[in-house]
Amino acid sequence: MTNLDTLFLEGNRLRLLVLPDSLAATNLAATVTSLRNQGVSVFAYPLAASLISPRRTENGDFEFTVTGPPSVYTVFGSIDLAAWSELGVTTNALGRSVFIDATGAPSERKFYRARFAL
């Protein structure tokens, strides 16, 4: 759907649209604005998956947001970038999903990566 340049929706009772941010900002920008003005929820996502907004929660867990194409992502953690262990999965339905790692001690250094679940 990255090359879509026209989306005809007249008479459609659309309530939600999820599309790549590259389309929302370029080819379909006018359509997105019109839909939002009609009360349609529009969610745009980046084409490449990223881990953003890392933070320590109040109870000491580590939390971050997975952004990217809607999918189920498997999240991995490593303390040395050599050995990786699966920490869990997160479902990214609208272009972003929060993942909480409750396995790490507050002072522990840990690296993270996510990939599309197979």
N, C-alpha and C. Protein backbone atom coordinates (compact mmCIF):
# COMPACT_ATOMS: atom_id res chain seq x y z
N MET A 1 0.80 -1.19 0.00
CA MET A 1 0.00 0.00 0.00
C MET A 1 0.86 1.27 0.00
N THR A 2 2.13 1.15 -0.21
CA THR A 2 3.00 2.34 -0.15
C THR A 2 2.90 3.22 -1.38
N ASN A 3 2.28 2.76 -2.48
CA ASN A 3 2.18 3.56 -3.70
C ASN A 3 0.76 4.05 -3.97
N LEU A 4 -0.14 3.85 -3.07
CA LEU A 4 -1.53 4.28 -3.24
C LEU A 4 -1.58 5.79 -3.37
N ASP A 5 -2.32 6.28 -4.40
CA ASP A 5 -2.44 7.73 -4.54
C ASP A 5 -3.88 8.21 -4.55
N THR A 6 -4.84 7.29 -4.59
CA THR A 6 -6.25 7.67 -4.55
C THR A 6 -6.99 6.68 -3.68
N LEU A 7 -7.88 7.21 -2.87
CA LEU A 7 -8.72 6.36 -2.02
C LEU A 7 -10.12 6.95 -2.07
N PHE A 8 -11.03 6.26 -2.76
CA PHE A 8 -12.40 6.74 -2.92
C PHE A 8 -13.25 6.14 -1.82
N LEU A 9 -13.80 6.99 -0.95
CA LEU A 9 -14.56 6.51 0.20
C LEU A 9 -15.94 7.13 0.32
N GLU A 10 -16.42 7.78 -0.70
CA GLU A 10 -17.70 8.46 -0.62
C GLU A 10 -18.83 7.48 -0.27
N GLY A 11 -19.60 7.85 0.73
CA GLY A 11 -20.71 7.02 1.16
C GLY A 11 -20.31 5.89 2.09
N ASN A 12 -19.03 5.74 2.35
CA ASN A 12 -18.55 4.69 3.24
C ASN A 12 -18.61 5.18 4.67
N ARG A 13 -19.05 4.36 5.58
CA ARG A 13 -19.14 4.75 7.00
C ARG A 13 -17.86 4.35 7.75
N LEU A 14 -16.76 4.68 7.17
CA LEU A 14 -15.46 4.38 7.75
C LEU A 14 -15.29 5.08 9.09
N ARG A 15 -14.80 4.33 10.09
CA ARG A 15 -14.55 4.91 11.41
C ARG A 15 -13.07 4.89 11.78
N LEU A 16 -12.29 4.06 11.08
CA LEU A 16 -10.88 3.90 11.41
C LEU A 16 -10.09 3.62 10.13
N LEU A 17 -8.95 4.28 9.98
CA LEU A 17 -8.05 4.04 8.86
C LEU A 17 -6.63 3.98 9.40
N VAL A 18 -5.90 2.93 9.05
CA VAL A 18 -4.51 2.75 9.45
C VAL A 18 -3.69 2.67 8.16
N LEU A 19 -2.68 3.54 8.03
CA LEU A 19 -1.89 3.58 6.81
C LEU A 19 -0.48 4.08 7.09
N PRO A 20 0.46 3.81 6.17
CA PRO A 20 1.83 4.29 6.36
C PRO A 20 1.88 5.81 6.45
N ASP A 21 2.74 6.33 7.32
CA ASP A 21 2.83 7.78 7.46
C ASP A 21 3.29 8.47 6.19
N SER A 22 4.04 7.76 5.35
CA SER A 22 4.47 8.35 4.08
C SER A 22 3.28 8.68 3.19
N LEU A 23 2.23 7.87 3.22
CA LEU A 23 1.02 8.17 2.45
C LEU A 23 0.18 9.24 3.13
N ALA A 24 0.11 9.16 4.45
CA ALA A 24 -0.70 10.13 5.20
C ALA A 24 -0.17 11.55 5.02
N ALA A 25 1.12 11.69 4.79
CA ALA A 25 1.74 13.01 4.67
C ALA A 25 1.89 13.47 3.23
N THR A 26 1.71 12.57 2.26
CA THR A 26 1.94 12.97 0.86
C THR A 26 0.71 12.67 0.00
N ASN A 27 0.69 11.52 -0.67
CA ASN A 27 -0.34 11.19 -1.65
C ASN A 27 -1.77 11.31 -1.12
N LEU A 28 -1.99 10.92 0.13
CA LEU A 28 -3.35 10.91 0.68
C LEU A 28 -3.56 11.97 1.77
N ALA A 29 -2.71 12.98 1.81
CA ALA A 29 -2.80 13.99 2.86
C ALA A 29 -4.16 14.68 2.87
N ALA A 30 -4.68 15.05 1.73
CA ALA A 30 -5.98 15.72 1.67
C ALA A 30 -7.09 14.77 2.12
N THR A 31 -7.01 13.52 1.73
CA THR A 31 -8.00 12.53 2.13
C THR A 31 -7.96 12.33 3.65
N VAL A 32 -6.75 12.23 4.22
CA VAL A 32 -6.59 12.05 5.66
C VAL A 32 -7.19 13.24 6.41
N THR A 33 -6.91 14.44 5.95
CA THR A 33 -7.47 15.64 6.59
C THR A 33 -8.99 15.63 6.54
N SER A 34 -9.53 15.30 5.38
CA SER A 34 -10.98 15.25 5.22
C SER A 34 -11.60 14.21 6.14
N LEU A 35 -10.99 13.03 6.21
CA LEU A 35 -11.51 11.97 7.08
C LEU A 35 -11.46 12.38 8.55
N ARG A 36 -10.36 12.97 8.96
CA ARG A 36 -10.25 13.43 10.35
C ARG A 36 -11.31 14.48 10.67
N ASN A 37 -11.58 15.38 9.71
CA ASN A 37 -12.61 16.40 9.90
C ASN A 37 -14.00 15.79 10.01
N GLN A 38 -14.17 14.59 9.48
CA GLN A 38 -15.45 13.88 9.56
C GLN A 38 -15.53 12.98 10.79
N GLY A 39 -14.49 13.02 11.64
CA GLY A 39 -14.50 12.23 12.85
C GLY A 39 -13.92 10.84 12.72
N VAL A 40 -13.29 10.54 11.60
CA VAL A 40 -12.66 9.23 11.40
C VAL A 40 -11.32 9.23 12.13
N SER A 41 -11.05 8.16 12.86
CA SER A 41 -9.75 8.00 13.53
C SER A 41 -8.74 7.51 12.49
N VAL A 42 -7.68 8.28 12.28
CA VAL A 42 -6.64 7.93 11.32
C VAL A 42 -5.34 7.72 12.08
N PHE A 43 -4.74 6.55 11.91
CA PHE A 43 -3.47 6.22 12.55
C PHE A 43 -2.44 5.99 11.46
N ALA A 44 -1.32 6.69 11.54
CA ALA A 44 -0.25 6.53 10.56
C ALA A 44 0.96 5.92 11.26
N TYR A 45 1.64 5.01 10.57
CA TYR A 45 2.77 4.32 11.16
C TYR A 45 4.00 4.42 10.25
N PRO A 46 5.20 4.39 10.84
CA PRO A 46 6.42 4.40 10.03
C PRO A 46 6.61 3.04 9.35
N LEU A 47 7.27 3.02 8.22
CA LEU A 47 7.49 1.77 7.48
C LEU A 47 8.54 0.88 8.14
N ALA A 48 9.45 1.46 8.89
CA ALA A 48 10.48 0.67 9.58
C ALA A 48 10.15 0.59 11.07
N ALA A 49 10.33 -0.59 11.63
CA ALA A 49 10.06 -0.76 13.06
C ALA A 49 11.14 -0.06 13.89
N SER A 50 10.73 0.55 14.99
CA SER A 50 11.65 1.23 15.90
C SER A 50 11.19 1.04 17.34
N LEU A 51 12.14 1.13 18.25
CA LEU A 51 11.85 1.14 19.67
C LEU A 51 12.08 2.56 20.15
N ILE A 52 11.03 3.18 20.70
CA ILE A 52 11.12 4.58 21.10
C ILE A 52 10.59 4.77 22.52
N SER A 53 10.78 5.95 23.05
CA SER A 53 10.25 6.38 24.35
C SER A 53 10.60 5.44 25.50
N PRO A 54 11.88 5.09 25.66
CA PRO A 54 12.24 4.21 26.78
C PRO A 54 12.11 4.93 28.11
N ARG A 55 11.64 4.18 29.12
CA ARG A 55 11.55 4.79 30.45
C ARG A 55 11.42 3.70 31.50
N ARG A 56 11.83 4.04 32.70
CA ARG A 56 11.68 3.16 33.85
C ARG A 56 10.33 3.50 34.49
N THR A 57 9.52 2.49 34.77
CA THR A 57 8.22 2.72 35.39
C THR A 57 8.38 2.94 36.89
N GLU A 58 7.32 3.36 37.55
CA GLU A 58 7.37 3.62 38.99
C GLU A 58 7.75 2.38 39.80
N ASN A 59 7.36 1.19 39.33
CA ASN A 59 7.69 -0.03 40.09
C ASN A 59 8.99 -0.68 39.62
N GLY A 60 9.78 0.02 38.79
CA GLY A 60 11.10 -0.47 38.42
C GLY A 60 11.18 -1.25 37.13
N ASP A 61 10.04 -1.50 36.48
CA ASP A 61 10.07 -2.20 35.18
C ASP A 61 10.58 -1.24 34.11
N PHE A 62 10.96 -1.78 32.96
CA PHE A 62 11.42 -0.96 31.85
C PHE A 62 10.38 -1.02 30.75
N GLU A 63 10.02 0.14 30.20
CA GLU A 63 8.94 0.24 29.23
C GLU A 63 9.43 0.99 28.00
N PHE A 64 8.98 0.57 26.81
CA PHE A 64 9.25 1.31 25.58
C PHE A 64 8.12 1.06 24.61
N THR A 65 8.09 1.83 23.54
CA THR A 65 7.05 1.71 22.52
C THR A 65 7.67 1.14 21.26
N VAL A 66 6.99 0.16 20.68
CA VAL A 66 7.38 -0.40 19.39
C VAL A 66 6.51 0.29 18.34
N THR A 67 7.15 0.95 17.37
CA THR A 67 6.41 1.57 16.28
C THR A 67 6.78 0.86 14.99
N GLY A 68 5.88 0.90 14.03
CA GLY A 68 6.13 0.26 12.74
C GLY A 68 4.86 -0.29 12.15
N PRO A 69 4.98 -1.03 11.07
CA PRO A 69 3.79 -1.60 10.44
C PRO A 69 3.02 -2.48 11.42
N PRO A 70 1.69 -2.41 11.37
CA PRO A 70 0.89 -3.25 12.26
C PRO A 70 1.25 -4.73 12.09
N SER A 71 1.50 -5.37 13.21
CA SER A 71 1.90 -6.77 13.22
C SER A 71 2.06 -7.21 14.67
N VAL A 72 2.35 -8.48 14.84
CA VAL A 72 2.76 -8.99 16.14
C VAL A 72 4.29 -9.00 16.13
N TYR A 73 4.89 -8.42 17.17
CA TYR A 73 6.35 -8.34 17.26
C TYR A 73 6.83 -9.21 18.42
N THR A 74 7.93 -9.91 18.20
CA THR A 74 8.62 -10.61 19.27
C THR A 74 9.71 -9.68 19.78
N VAL A 75 9.79 -9.51 21.10
CA VAL A 75 10.78 -8.62 21.71
C VAL A 75 11.85 -9.47 22.38
N PHE A 76 13.10 -9.10 22.13
CA PHE A 76 14.26 -9.81 22.67
C PHE A 76 15.07 -8.86 23.54
N GLY A 77 15.78 -9.43 24.52
CA GLY A 77 16.67 -8.65 25.37
C GLY A 77 18.03 -9.30 25.46
N SER A 78 19.05 -8.49 25.68
CA SER A 78 20.42 -8.98 25.80
C SER A 78 21.19 -8.07 26.75
N ILE A 79 22.11 -8.64 27.50
CA ILE A 79 22.97 -7.80 28.34
C ILE A 79 24.35 -7.60 27.72
N ASP A 80 24.63 -8.34 26.60
CA ASP A 80 25.96 -8.24 25.98
C ASP A 80 25.93 -8.13 24.46
N LEU A 81 24.78 -8.03 23.85
CA LEU A 81 24.59 -7.95 22.40
C LEU A 81 25.00 -9.23 21.66
N ALA A 82 25.38 -10.26 22.38
CA ALA A 82 25.76 -11.54 21.75
C ALA A 82 24.67 -12.59 21.97
N ALA A 83 24.24 -12.74 23.20
CA ALA A 83 23.20 -13.72 23.53
C ALA A 83 21.87 -12.99 23.74
N TRP A 84 20.86 -13.37 22.97
CA TRP A 84 19.55 -12.74 23.04
C TRP A 84 18.52 -13.73 23.56
N SER A 85 17.62 -13.25 24.41
CA SER A 85 16.54 -14.11 24.90
C SER A 85 15.20 -13.45 24.60
N GLU A 86 14.22 -14.28 24.28
CA GLU A 86 12.89 -13.77 23.99
C GLU A 86 12.23 -13.33 25.30
N LEU A 87 11.73 -12.09 25.31
CA LEU A 87 11.08 -11.54 26.49
C LEU A 87 9.57 -11.61 26.40
N GLY A 88 9.05 -11.67 25.20
CA GLY A 88 7.60 -11.72 25.01
C GLY A 88 7.21 -11.19 23.65
N VAL A 89 5.92 -11.04 23.46
CA VAL A 89 5.39 -10.50 22.21
C VAL A 89 4.50 -9.31 22.52
N THR A 90 4.34 -8.45 21.55
CA THR A 90 3.43 -7.33 21.66
C THR A 90 2.70 -7.18 20.33
N THR A 91 1.42 -6.90 20.41
CA THR A 91 0.60 -6.73 19.21
C THR A 91 0.48 -5.26 18.89
N ASN A 92 0.96 -4.90 17.74
CA ASN A 92 0.95 -3.52 17.26
C ASN A 92 -0.17 -3.42 16.22
N ALA A 93 -1.37 -3.05 16.66
CA ALA A 93 -2.52 -3.02 15.76
C ALA A 93 -2.67 -1.70 15.01
N LEU A 94 -2.19 -0.60 15.60
CA LEU A 94 -2.42 0.71 15.01
C LEU A 94 -1.14 1.49 14.74
N GLY A 95 0.00 0.77 14.67
CA GLY A 95 1.26 1.44 14.37
C GLY A 95 2.15 1.67 15.56
N ARG A 96 1.65 1.38 16.77
CA ARG A 96 2.46 1.51 17.97
C ARG A 96 1.89 0.63 19.07
N SER A 97 2.80 0.11 19.88
CA SER A 97 2.42 -0.76 20.98
C SER A 97 3.43 -0.61 22.11
N VAL A 98 2.96 -0.57 23.34
CA VAL A 98 3.84 -0.44 24.49
C VAL A 98 4.23 -1.84 24.97
N PHE A 99 5.54 -2.01 25.25
CA PHE A 99 6.05 -3.26 25.80
C PHE A 99 6.68 -2.96 27.15
N ILE A 100 6.38 -3.78 28.14
CA ILE A 100 6.95 -3.63 29.48
C ILE A 100 7.79 -4.85 29.80
N ASP A 101 9.06 -4.61 30.12
CA ASP A 101 9.97 -5.68 30.52
C ASP A 101 10.06 -5.67 32.04
N ALA A 102 9.46 -6.67 32.65
CA ALA A 102 9.46 -6.77 34.11
C ALA A 102 10.57 -7.69 34.60
N THR A 103 11.49 -8.10 33.70
CA THR A 103 12.52 -9.08 34.07
C THR A 103 13.82 -8.46 34.53
N GLY A 104 14.04 -7.19 34.27
CA GLY A 104 15.35 -6.60 34.56
C GLY A 104 15.39 -5.87 35.88
N ALA A 105 16.52 -5.97 36.57
CA ALA A 105 16.74 -5.19 37.79
C ALA A 105 16.95 -3.73 37.41
N PRO A 106 16.56 -2.78 38.24
CA PRO A 106 16.67 -1.37 37.89
C PRO A 106 18.07 -0.92 37.48
N SER A 107 19.13 -1.51 38.01
CA SER A 107 20.48 -1.07 37.66
C SER A 107 21.10 -1.87 36.51
N GLU A 108 20.40 -2.89 36.05
CA GLU A 108 20.94 -3.76 35.00
C GLU A 108 20.93 -3.06 33.64
N ARG A 109 22.03 -3.17 32.90
CA ARG A 109 22.09 -2.64 31.54
C ARG A 109 21.54 -3.72 30.62
N LYS A 110 20.64 -3.33 29.73
CA LYS A 110 20.04 -4.30 28.83
C LYS A 110 19.77 -3.64 27.49
N PHE A 111 19.94 -4.42 26.43
CA PHE A 111 19.66 -3.98 25.07
C PHE A 111 18.40 -4.70 24.59
N TYR A 112 17.68 -4.05 23.67
CA TYR A 112 16.42 -4.61 23.19
C TYR A 112 16.37 -4.57 21.66
N ARG A 113 15.63 -5.51 21.11
CA ARG A 113 15.31 -5.49 19.69
C ARG A 113 13.95 -6.16 19.51
N ALA A 114 13.31 -5.84 18.42
CA ALA A 114 12.01 -6.44 18.12
C ALA A 114 11.99 -6.82 16.66
N ARG A 115 11.27 -7.90 16.36
CA ARG A 115 11.11 -8.31 14.96
C ARG A 115 9.71 -8.86 14.78
N PHE A 116 9.28 -8.87 13.53
CA PHE A 116 7.97 -9.44 13.24
C PHE A 116 7.93 -10.86 13.74
N ALA A 117 6.88 -11.23 14.46
CA ALA A 117 6.75 -12.61 14.95
C ALA A 117 6.52 -13.53 13.75
N LEU A 118 7.12 -14.68 13.81
CA LEU A 118 6.99 -15.63 12.71
C LEU A 118 5.80 -16.53 12.89
